[in-house]
Amino acid sequence: MRTPIDLVDKLVADAQRYSGISERTEIPREALRALIHREASRRSSRSSVTAASAFIRS
């Protein structure tokens, strides 16, 4: 799917420098992958804490 987006040049340059990704089109893809990974980890850790709390209370 193609979606036009406006990218801030400074952010793209910083992302390219830190990540080593040279292709501008790859930056948003990698950003989405990182966001999904971070949020999935966050949700997983929340459910683990909830499960651990329930276990401890039993």
N, C-alpha and C. Protein backbone atom coordinates (compact mmCIF):
# COMPACT_ATOMS: atom_id res chain seq x y z
N MET A 1 0.85 -1.17 0.00
CA MET A 1 0.00 0.00 0.00
C MET A 1 0.90 1.23 0.00
N ARG A 2 0.57 2.17 -0.82
CA ARG A 2 1.33 3.41 -0.89
C ARG A 2 0.53 4.52 -0.23
N THR A 3 1.19 5.23 0.65
CA THR A 3 0.56 6.34 1.35
C THR A 3 1.54 7.50 1.36
N PRO A 4 1.15 8.64 0.80
CA PRO A 4 2.07 9.78 0.84
C PRO A 4 2.16 10.33 2.27
N ILE A 5 3.39 10.56 2.71
CA ILE A 5 3.59 11.13 4.04
C ILE A 5 4.66 12.22 3.94
N ASP A 6 4.57 13.19 4.82
CA ASP A 6 5.57 14.24 4.91
C ASP A 6 6.56 13.85 5.99
N LEU A 7 7.82 13.80 5.63
CA LEU A 7 8.86 13.44 6.57
C LEU A 7 9.70 14.68 6.91
N VAL A 8 10.04 14.82 8.15
CA VAL A 8 10.89 15.92 8.58
C VAL A 8 12.33 15.56 8.22
N ASP A 9 12.95 16.39 7.38
CA ASP A 9 14.29 16.09 6.87
C ASP A 9 15.31 15.81 7.97
N LYS A 10 15.29 16.60 9.03
CA LYS A 10 16.26 16.41 10.12
C LYS A 10 16.05 15.05 10.79
N LEU A 11 14.80 14.66 11.02
CA LEU A 11 14.53 13.36 11.63
C LEU A 11 14.98 12.22 10.73
N VAL A 12 14.73 12.36 9.44
CA VAL A 12 15.15 11.32 8.50
C VAL A 12 16.67 11.23 8.48
N ALA A 13 17.35 12.37 8.44
CA ALA A 13 18.81 12.36 8.44
C ALA A 13 19.36 11.72 9.71
N ASP A 14 18.77 12.07 10.85
CA ASP A 14 19.21 11.46 12.12
C ASP A 14 18.96 9.95 12.11
N ALA A 15 17.80 9.54 11.65
CA ALA A 15 17.47 8.12 11.58
C ALA A 15 18.44 7.38 10.67
N GLN A 16 18.77 7.98 9.53
CA GLN A 16 19.71 7.35 8.61
C GLN A 16 21.09 7.23 9.25
N ARG A 17 21.52 8.27 9.93
CA ARG A 17 22.84 8.26 10.55
C ARG A 17 22.92 7.20 11.65
N TYR A 18 21.90 7.15 12.53
CA TYR A 18 21.93 6.21 13.65
C TYR A 18 21.71 4.76 13.22
N SER A 19 20.86 4.57 12.20
CA SER A 19 20.51 3.20 11.81
C SER A 19 21.40 2.63 10.71
N GLY A 20 22.01 3.50 9.96
CA GLY A 20 22.80 3.03 8.82
C GLY A 20 21.94 2.75 7.60
N ILE A 21 20.66 3.04 7.66
CA ILE A 21 19.76 2.85 6.53
C ILE A 21 19.92 4.03 5.59
N SER A 22 20.26 3.77 4.34
CA SER A 22 20.49 4.88 3.41
C SER A 22 19.25 5.23 2.59
N GLU A 23 18.35 4.29 2.43
CA GLU A 23 17.16 4.52 1.61
C GLU A 23 16.07 5.22 2.41
N ARG A 24 15.65 6.38 1.95
CA ARG A 24 14.62 7.15 2.67
C ARG A 24 13.31 6.37 2.83
N THR A 25 12.95 5.58 1.84
CA THR A 25 11.69 4.84 1.92
C THR A 25 11.73 3.74 2.98
N GLU A 26 12.92 3.30 3.35
CA GLU A 26 13.04 2.24 4.35
C GLU A 26 12.87 2.78 5.77
N ILE A 27 13.13 4.06 5.97
CA ILE A 27 13.05 4.66 7.31
C ILE A 27 11.64 4.51 7.91
N PRO A 28 10.56 4.91 7.22
CA PRO A 28 9.22 4.72 7.81
C PRO A 28 8.88 3.25 8.06
N ARG A 29 9.31 2.36 7.16
CA ARG A 29 9.05 0.93 7.37
C ARG A 29 9.71 0.44 8.65
N GLU A 30 10.97 0.81 8.83
CA GLU A 30 11.69 0.39 10.02
C GLU A 30 11.09 1.03 11.27
N ALA A 31 10.66 2.27 11.15
CA ALA A 31 10.02 2.95 12.29
C ALA A 31 8.74 2.22 12.69
N LEU A 32 7.95 1.80 11.73
CA LEU A 32 6.72 1.05 12.04
C LEU A 32 7.04 -0.30 12.68
N ARG A 33 8.06 -0.98 12.16
CA ARG A 33 8.48 -2.25 12.77
C ARG A 33 8.90 -2.05 14.22
N ALA A 34 9.67 -0.99 14.46
CA ALA A 34 10.14 -0.71 15.82
C ALA A 34 8.97 -0.37 16.74
N LEU A 35 8.03 0.41 16.25
CA LEU A 35 6.85 0.77 17.04
C LEU A 35 6.04 -0.48 17.40
N ILE A 36 5.80 -1.33 16.43
CA ILE A 36 5.04 -2.56 16.67
C ILE A 36 5.76 -3.44 17.68
N HIS A 37 7.07 -3.59 17.52
CA HIS A 37 7.85 -4.41 18.45
C HIS A 37 7.78 -3.83 19.86
N ARG A 38 7.95 -2.53 19.99
CA ARG A 38 7.93 -1.89 21.31
C ARG A 38 6.58 -2.05 21.99
N GLU A 39 5.50 -1.80 21.25
CA GLU A 39 4.17 -1.89 21.84
C GLU A 39 3.79 -3.34 22.16
N ALA A 40 4.19 -4.28 21.31
CA ALA A 40 3.91 -5.69 21.59
C ALA A 40 4.65 -6.13 22.85
N SER A 41 5.90 -5.68 23.00
CA SER A 41 6.67 -6.00 24.20
C SER A 41 6.03 -5.39 25.43
N ARG A 42 5.59 -4.16 25.30
CA ARG A 42 4.96 -3.46 26.42
C ARG A 42 3.69 -4.20 26.85
N ARG A 43 2.88 -4.58 25.88
CA ARG A 43 1.63 -5.30 26.22
C ARG A 43 1.93 -6.66 26.83
N SER A 44 2.95 -7.32 26.30
CA SER A 44 3.33 -8.63 26.81
C SER A 44 3.80 -8.52 28.26
N SER A 45 4.59 -7.50 28.56
CA SER A 45 5.09 -7.35 29.92
C SER A 45 3.96 -6.98 30.88
N ARG A 46 2.99 -6.21 30.40
CA ARG A 46 1.84 -5.88 31.25
C ARG A 46 1.05 -7.12 31.60
N SER A 47 0.81 -7.98 30.60
CA SER A 47 0.03 -9.18 30.88
C SER A 47 0.82 -10.14 31.76
N SER A 48 2.14 -10.16 31.64
CA SER A 48 2.96 -11.00 32.50
C SER A 48 2.90 -10.52 33.94
N VAL A 49 2.95 -9.21 34.12
CA VAL A 49 2.86 -8.63 35.47
C VAL A 49 1.49 -8.93 36.06
N THR A 50 0.45 -8.78 35.25
CA THR A 50 -0.91 -9.06 35.72
C THR A 50 -1.04 -10.53 36.10
N ALA A 51 -0.50 -11.42 35.27
CA ALA A 51 -0.57 -12.85 35.57
C ALA A 51 0.25 -13.17 36.82
N ALA A 52 1.41 -12.56 36.96
CA ALA A 52 2.23 -12.80 38.15
C ALA A 52 1.53 -12.28 39.40
N SER A 53 0.91 -11.12 39.29
CA SER A 53 0.18 -10.56 40.43
C SER A 53 -0.96 -11.46 40.84
N ALA A 54 -1.67 -12.01 39.87
CA ALA A 54 -2.78 -12.91 40.17
C ALA A 54 -2.26 -14.19 40.83
N PHE A 55 -1.13 -14.69 40.37
CA PHE A 55 -0.53 -15.89 40.94
C PHE A 55 -0.11 -15.66 42.39
N ILE A 56 0.50 -14.51 42.62
CA ILE A 56 0.98 -14.19 43.98
C ILE A 56 -0.19 -14.05 44.95
N ARG A 57 -1.28 -13.48 44.47
CA ARG A 57 -2.44 -13.28 45.34
C ARG A 57 -3.15 -14.58 45.67
N SER A 58 -3.00 -15.61 44.85
CA SER A 58 -3.73 -16.87 45.06
C SER A 58 -3.26 -17.59 46.29
